Amino acid sequence: QVQLVESGGGLVQAGGSLRLSCAASGRTSSYAMGWFRQAPGKEREFVATMKWSGGTYYADSVKGRFIISRDNAKQTVYLQMNSLNPDDTAVYYCAARQGIYVYTVENEYDYWGQGTQVTVSS
């Protein structure tokens, strides 16, 4: 069983940066890790994912602004978010699953964190 706990959310002005963290209990070094987000009144959407081997994949809306990384020794995944704009306002969720491929669909993931709120003011 894997448990995920996100942190690092908050209020930031447009153009600013935030770094989200996702701490995992259990060994997740062989897991694919992903970040999703859900804005008010919208469905949860894919943001970024990192394969256990280190390969990354991003949604077009965040490509070039967000960076996903992981520290396997700390069992932690990060999402560095730069050049934030109000459209990035959402609850951000960390997710995990075993597997060697790129996973961008919500129901492909088995474990989820509780989410952390990110609010970007204009």
N, C-alpha and C. Protein backbone atom coordinates (compact mmCIF):
# COMPACT_ATOMS: atom_id res chain seq x y z
N GLN A 1 0.84 -1.19 0.00
CA GLN A 1 0.00 0.00 0.00
C GLN A 1 0.88 1.24 0.00
N VAL A 2 0.54 2.19 -0.84
CA VAL A 2 1.28 3.44 -0.96
C VAL A 2 0.39 4.58 -0.50
N GLN A 3 0.94 5.44 0.34
CA GLN A 3 0.22 6.65 0.74
C GLN A 3 1.00 7.86 0.26
N LEU A 4 0.27 8.85 -0.24
CA LEU A 4 0.87 10.04 -0.81
C LEU A 4 0.36 11.28 -0.08
N VAL A 5 1.27 12.19 0.23
CA VAL A 5 0.90 13.42 0.92
C VAL A 5 1.53 14.60 0.19
N GLU A 6 0.69 15.47 -0.35
CA GLU A 6 1.17 16.65 -1.06
C GLU A 6 1.34 17.82 -0.10
N SER A 7 2.23 18.71 -0.47
CA SER A 7 2.43 19.95 0.27
C SER A 7 3.01 20.99 -0.67
N GLY A 8 3.02 22.25 -0.21
CA GLY A 8 3.65 23.29 -0.99
C GLY A 8 2.69 24.23 -1.71
N GLY A 9 1.41 23.94 -1.65
CA GLY A 9 0.46 24.82 -2.30
C GLY A 9 0.34 26.14 -1.57
N GLY A 10 -0.38 27.08 -2.20
CA GLY A 10 -0.57 28.37 -1.57
C GLY A 10 -1.06 29.39 -2.55
N LEU A 11 -0.97 30.65 -2.13
CA LEU A 11 -1.39 31.77 -2.95
C LEU A 11 -0.16 32.46 -3.53
N VAL A 12 -0.18 32.69 -4.84
CA VAL A 12 0.95 33.33 -5.50
C VAL A 12 0.42 34.28 -6.57
N GLN A 13 1.17 35.33 -6.85
CA GLN A 13 0.77 36.27 -7.89
C GLN A 13 1.13 35.72 -9.26
N ALA A 14 0.41 36.17 -10.25
CA ALA A 14 0.71 35.77 -11.63
C ALA A 14 2.17 36.08 -11.95
N GLY A 15 2.81 35.13 -12.62
CA GLY A 15 4.22 35.27 -12.94
C GLY A 15 5.14 34.66 -11.91
N GLY A 16 4.59 34.30 -10.77
CA GLY A 16 5.39 33.72 -9.70
C GLY A 16 5.60 32.23 -9.84
N SER A 17 6.23 31.66 -8.83
CA SER A 17 6.58 30.23 -8.84
C SER A 17 6.18 29.56 -7.53
N LEU A 18 5.94 28.27 -7.61
CA LEU A 18 5.71 27.43 -6.44
C LEU A 18 6.32 26.07 -6.71
N ARG A 19 6.72 25.39 -5.65
CA ARG A 19 7.17 24.01 -5.79
C ARG A 19 6.31 23.12 -4.90
N LEU A 20 5.64 22.19 -5.53
CA LEU A 20 4.85 21.21 -4.81
C LEU A 20 5.70 19.98 -4.51
N SER A 21 5.42 19.37 -3.38
CA SER A 21 6.09 18.13 -3.01
C SER A 21 5.05 17.04 -2.77
N CYS A 22 5.44 15.82 -3.03
CA CYS A 22 4.58 14.66 -2.79
C CYS A 22 5.43 13.60 -2.11
N ALA A 23 5.19 13.42 -0.82
CA ALA A 23 5.95 12.43 -0.05
C ALA A 23 5.20 11.11 -0.05
N ALA A 24 5.92 10.06 -0.37
CA ALA A 24 5.30 8.73 -0.46
C ALA A 24 5.77 7.83 0.67
N SER A 25 4.82 7.08 1.20
CA SER A 25 5.19 6.02 2.14
C SER A 25 5.23 4.73 1.33
N GLY A 26 6.15 3.87 1.63
CA GLY A 26 6.33 2.69 0.81
C GLY A 26 7.34 2.99 -0.30
N ARG A 27 7.90 1.96 -0.86
CA ARG A 27 8.95 2.14 -1.86
C ARG A 27 8.31 2.39 -3.23
N THR A 28 8.51 3.59 -3.73
CA THR A 28 7.91 3.98 -5.01
C THR A 28 8.95 4.21 -6.10
N SER A 29 10.18 3.79 -5.88
CA SER A 29 11.22 4.06 -6.87
C SER A 29 10.93 3.37 -8.20
N SER A 30 10.15 2.29 -8.18
CA SER A 30 9.81 1.60 -9.43
C SER A 30 8.44 2.01 -9.95
N TYR A 31 7.87 3.04 -9.37
CA TYR A 31 6.55 3.50 -9.75
C TYR A 31 6.63 4.67 -10.73
N ALA A 32 5.61 4.77 -11.58
CA ALA A 32 5.38 6.00 -12.32
C ALA A 32 4.65 6.96 -11.40
N MET A 33 5.05 8.22 -11.41
CA MET A 33 4.44 9.24 -10.57
C MET A 33 3.85 10.33 -11.44
N GLY A 34 2.69 10.81 -11.06
CA GLY A 34 2.04 11.83 -11.87
C GLY A 34 1.46 12.96 -11.03
N TRP A 35 1.25 14.06 -11.69
CA TRP A 35 0.54 15.19 -11.09
C TRP A 35 -0.69 15.49 -11.96
N PHE A 36 -1.80 15.70 -11.28
CA PHE A 36 -3.04 16.10 -11.92
C PHE A 36 -3.55 17.34 -11.20
N ARG A 37 -4.53 18.01 -11.81
CA ARG A 37 -5.14 19.16 -11.14
C ARG A 37 -6.62 19.25 -11.48
N GLN A 38 -7.35 19.86 -10.57
CA GLN A 38 -8.78 20.05 -10.79
C GLN A 38 -9.17 21.46 -10.39
N ALA A 39 -9.61 22.21 -11.39
CA ALA A 39 -10.08 23.58 -11.16
C ALA A 39 -11.56 23.54 -10.81
N PRO A 40 -12.06 24.58 -10.15
CA PRO A 40 -13.48 24.61 -9.77
C PRO A 40 -14.39 24.44 -10.98
N GLY A 41 -15.32 23.51 -10.87
CA GLY A 41 -16.28 23.29 -11.94
C GLY A 41 -15.75 22.52 -13.13
N LYS A 42 -14.52 22.03 -13.04
CA LYS A 42 -13.91 21.31 -14.16
C LYS A 42 -13.50 19.91 -13.73
N GLU A 43 -13.27 19.06 -14.71
CA GLU A 43 -12.81 17.72 -14.43
C GLU A 43 -11.31 17.74 -14.10
N ARG A 44 -10.89 16.72 -13.40
CA ARG A 44 -9.46 16.59 -13.09
C ARG A 44 -8.71 16.33 -14.38
N GLU A 45 -7.55 17.00 -14.53
CA GLU A 45 -6.80 16.88 -15.77
C GLU A 45 -5.33 16.56 -15.49
N PHE A 46 -4.74 15.90 -16.45
CA PHE A 46 -3.33 15.53 -16.37
C PHE A 46 -2.44 16.77 -16.45
N VAL A 47 -1.36 16.77 -15.67
CA VAL A 47 -0.39 17.86 -15.70
C VAL A 47 0.99 17.35 -16.14
N ALA A 48 1.51 16.36 -15.44
CA ALA A 48 2.86 15.88 -15.72
C ALA A 48 3.04 14.49 -15.14
N THR A 49 3.97 13.73 -15.72
CA THR A 49 4.28 12.42 -15.19
C THR A 49 5.75 12.11 -15.38
N MET A 50 6.26 11.26 -14.50
CA MET A 50 7.65 10.82 -14.61
C MET A 50 7.68 9.30 -14.48
N LYS A 51 8.30 8.65 -15.45
CA LYS A 51 8.47 7.20 -15.39
C LYS A 51 9.49 6.85 -14.32
N TRP A 52 9.47 5.60 -13.89
CA TRP A 52 10.44 5.19 -12.87
C TRP A 52 11.86 5.35 -13.41
N SER A 53 12.01 5.25 -14.74
CA SER A 53 13.33 5.36 -15.35
C SER A 53 13.77 6.81 -15.53
N GLY A 54 12.86 7.75 -15.27
CA GLY A 54 13.23 9.16 -15.32
C GLY A 54 12.63 9.94 -16.48
N GLY A 55 12.04 9.27 -17.44
CA GLY A 55 11.43 9.98 -18.55
C GLY A 55 10.24 10.80 -18.09
N THR A 56 10.05 11.96 -18.72
CA THR A 56 8.97 12.85 -18.30
C THR A 56 8.05 13.17 -19.47
N TYR A 57 6.83 13.58 -19.12
CA TYR A 57 5.85 13.95 -20.14
C TYR A 57 4.94 14.99 -19.51
N TYR A 58 4.58 16.02 -20.32
CA TYR A 58 3.81 17.13 -19.80
C TYR A 58 2.58 17.42 -20.64
N ALA A 59 1.57 17.97 -20.00
CA ALA A 59 0.44 18.51 -20.74
C ALA A 59 0.92 19.74 -21.51
N ASP A 60 0.33 19.97 -22.66
CA ASP A 60 0.74 21.12 -23.48
C ASP A 60 0.59 22.43 -22.72
N SER A 61 -0.40 22.51 -21.85
CA SER A 61 -0.69 23.76 -21.15
C SER A 61 0.40 24.15 -20.15
N VAL A 62 1.24 23.20 -19.75
CA VAL A 62 2.28 23.51 -18.77
C VAL A 62 3.69 23.28 -19.31
N LYS A 63 3.79 22.76 -20.51
CA LYS A 63 5.10 22.46 -21.08
C LYS A 63 5.95 23.72 -21.17
N GLY A 64 7.17 23.63 -20.70
CA GLY A 64 8.07 24.77 -20.70
C GLY A 64 7.97 25.63 -19.45
N ARG A 65 6.94 25.39 -18.63
CA ARG A 65 6.77 26.17 -17.39
C ARG A 65 6.90 25.29 -16.15
N PHE A 66 6.46 24.06 -16.23
CA PHE A 66 6.48 23.15 -15.07
C PHE A 66 7.55 22.09 -15.28
N ILE A 67 8.13 21.66 -14.17
CA ILE A 67 9.14 20.59 -14.21
C ILE A 67 8.82 19.57 -13.12
N ILE A 68 8.70 18.32 -13.53
CA ILE A 68 8.51 17.24 -12.56
C ILE A 68 9.85 16.58 -12.30
N SER A 69 10.11 16.26 -11.05
CA SER A 69 11.36 15.59 -10.69
C SER A 69 11.09 14.68 -9.48
N ARG A 70 12.05 13.82 -9.19
CA ARG A 70 11.86 12.92 -8.06
C ARG A 70 13.19 12.67 -7.36
N ASP A 71 13.11 12.43 -6.08
CA ASP A 71 14.25 12.05 -5.27
C ASP A 71 13.89 10.70 -4.66
N ASN A 72 14.39 9.64 -5.26
CA ASN A 72 14.02 8.30 -4.81
C ASN A 72 14.50 8.01 -3.39
N ALA A 73 15.63 8.59 -3.01
CA ALA A 73 16.14 8.37 -1.65
C ALA A 73 15.17 8.94 -0.61
N LYS A 74 14.50 10.03 -0.97
CA LYS A 74 13.54 10.66 -0.07
C LYS A 74 12.11 10.21 -0.34
N GLN A 75 11.91 9.37 -1.36
CA GLN A 75 10.58 8.93 -1.74
C GLN A 75 9.68 10.13 -1.98
N THR A 76 10.18 11.12 -2.68
CA THR A 76 9.46 12.37 -2.89
C THR A 76 9.49 12.77 -4.36
N VAL A 77 8.35 13.25 -4.83
CA VAL A 77 8.23 13.78 -6.17
C VAL A 77 7.91 15.27 -6.06
N TYR A 78 8.46 16.04 -6.96
CA TYR A 78 8.28 17.48 -6.94
C TYR A 78 7.62 17.97 -8.23
N LEU A 79 6.95 19.09 -8.13
CA LEU A 79 6.46 19.78 -9.31
C LEU A 79 6.84 21.25 -9.16
N GLN A 80 7.85 21.65 -9.91
CA GLN A 80 8.27 23.05 -9.92
C GLN A 80 7.40 23.78 -10.93
N MET A 81 6.69 24.79 -10.47
CA MET A 81 5.76 25.52 -11.33
C MET A 81 6.24 26.96 -11.47
N ASN A 82 6.55 27.35 -12.68
CA ASN A 82 7.04 28.69 -12.96
C ASN A 82 6.08 29.44 -13.88
N SER A 83 6.22 30.75 -13.92
CA SER A 83 5.38 31.58 -14.79
C SER A 83 3.90 31.25 -14.61
N LEU A 84 3.49 31.18 -13.38
CA LEU A 84 2.11 30.81 -13.09
C LEU A 84 1.14 31.88 -13.55
N ASN A 85 -0.02 31.44 -13.98
CA ASN A 85 -1.08 32.37 -14.36
C ASN A 85 -2.39 31.91 -13.72
N PRO A 86 -3.41 32.76 -13.71
CA PRO A 86 -4.65 32.40 -13.03
C PRO A 86 -5.28 31.10 -13.52
N ASP A 87 -5.03 30.72 -14.76
CA ASP A 87 -5.58 29.46 -15.27
C ASP A 87 -4.96 28.24 -14.59
N ASP A 88 -3.88 28.43 -13.88
CA ASP A 88 -3.24 27.32 -13.15
C ASP A 88 -3.87 27.10 -11.77
N THR A 89 -4.81 27.95 -11.40
CA THR A 89 -5.48 27.81 -10.12
C THR A 89 -6.27 26.50 -10.09
N ALA A 90 -5.99 25.67 -9.10
CA ALA A 90 -6.62 24.36 -9.01
C ALA A 90 -6.14 23.65 -7.74
N VAL A 91 -6.80 22.55 -7.43
CA VAL A 91 -6.26 21.61 -6.45
C VAL A 91 -5.36 20.66 -7.21
N TYR A 92 -4.13 20.51 -6.74
CA TYR A 92 -3.16 19.66 -7.41
C TYR A 92 -3.02 18.35 -6.64
N TYR A 93 -3.07 17.26 -7.39
CA TYR A 93 -3.02 15.92 -6.82
C TYR A 93 -1.81 15.15 -7.33
N CYS A 94 -1.20 14.43 -6.44
CA CYS A 94 -0.12 13.51 -6.77
C CYS A 94 -0.72 12.11 -6.92
N ALA A 95 -0.18 11.33 -7.87
CA ALA A 95 -0.69 9.99 -8.10
C ALA A 95 0.47 9.04 -8.39
N ALA A 96 0.24 7.75 -8.14
CA ALA A 96 1.30 6.77 -8.35
C ALA A 96 0.72 5.45 -8.85
N ARG A 97 1.55 4.72 -9.59
CA ARG A 97 1.19 3.38 -10.03
C ARG A 97 2.45 2.64 -10.43
N GLN A 98 2.41 1.35 -10.37
CA GLN A 98 3.50 0.55 -10.90
C GLN A 98 3.38 0.50 -12.42
N GLY A 99 4.53 0.40 -13.07
CA GLY A 99 4.48 0.31 -14.52
C GLY A 99 5.65 1.02 -15.15
N ILE A 100 5.94 0.69 -16.40
CA ILE A 100 7.13 1.22 -17.06
C ILE A 100 6.80 2.23 -18.16
N TYR A 101 5.53 2.49 -18.37
CA TYR A 101 5.14 3.35 -19.48
C TYR A 101 4.80 4.77 -19.00
N VAL A 102 4.40 5.60 -19.94
CA VAL A 102 3.89 6.93 -19.63
C VAL A 102 2.39 6.81 -19.40
N TYR A 103 1.92 7.35 -18.30
CA TYR A 103 0.51 7.26 -17.95
C TYR A 103 -0.04 8.67 -17.78
N THR A 104 -1.06 9.02 -18.58
CA THR A 104 -1.60 10.37 -18.54
C THR A 104 -3.09 10.42 -18.24
N VAL A 105 -3.68 9.26 -18.00
CA VAL A 105 -5.12 9.18 -17.76
C VAL A 105 -5.37 8.90 -16.29
N GLU A 106 -6.34 9.60 -15.74
CA GLU A 106 -6.61 9.52 -14.32
C GLU A 106 -6.82 8.09 -13.83
N ASN A 107 -7.61 7.32 -14.55
CA ASN A 107 -7.94 5.99 -14.04
C ASN A 107 -6.83 4.96 -14.26
N GLU A 108 -5.71 5.39 -14.78
CA GLU A 108 -4.54 4.51 -14.88
C GLU A 108 -3.75 4.46 -13.58
N TYR A 109 -4.05 5.37 -12.67
CA TYR A 109 -3.30 5.47 -11.42
C TYR A 109 -4.06 4.79 -10.27
N ASP A 110 -3.30 4.16 -9.38
CA ASP A 110 -3.89 3.39 -8.29
C ASP A 110 -3.91 4.14 -6.96
N TYR A 111 -2.97 5.04 -6.77
CA TYR A 111 -2.84 5.72 -5.48
C TYR A 111 -2.89 7.23 -5.69
N TRP A 112 -3.56 7.90 -4.76
CA TRP A 112 -3.75 9.35 -4.86
C TRP A 112 -3.54 10.02 -3.51
N GLY A 113 -3.00 11.24 -3.58
CA GLY A 113 -2.92 12.06 -2.39
C GLY A 113 -4.21 12.83 -2.18
N GLN A 114 -4.24 13.62 -1.13
CA GLN A 114 -5.45 14.35 -0.77
C GLN A 114 -5.57 15.67 -1.51
N GLY A 115 -4.50 16.11 -2.13
CA GLY A 115 -4.52 17.35 -2.90
C GLY A 115 -4.02 18.54 -2.12
N THR A 116 -3.49 19.51 -2.85
CA THR A 116 -3.04 20.77 -2.25
C THR A 116 -3.51 21.92 -3.15
N GLN A 117 -4.02 22.97 -2.53
CA GLN A 117 -4.62 24.07 -3.28
C GLN A 117 -3.54 25.03 -3.77
N VAL A 118 -3.63 25.37 -5.05
CA VAL A 118 -2.79 26.41 -5.64
C VAL A 118 -3.71 27.49 -6.19
N THR A 119 -3.48 28.72 -5.74
CA THR A 119 -4.28 29.84 -6.20
C THR A 119 -3.35 30.91 -6.76
N VAL A 120 -3.61 31.31 -8.00
CA VAL A 120 -2.79 32.31 -8.67
C VAL A 120 -3.65 33.55 -8.88
N SER A 121 -3.22 34.64 -8.30
CA SER A 121 -3.97 35.89 -8.42
C SER A 121 -3.44 36.72 -9.58
N SER A 122 -4.34 37.46 -10.20
CA SER A 122 -3.94 38.27 -11.37
C SER A 122 -3.48 39.66 -10.95
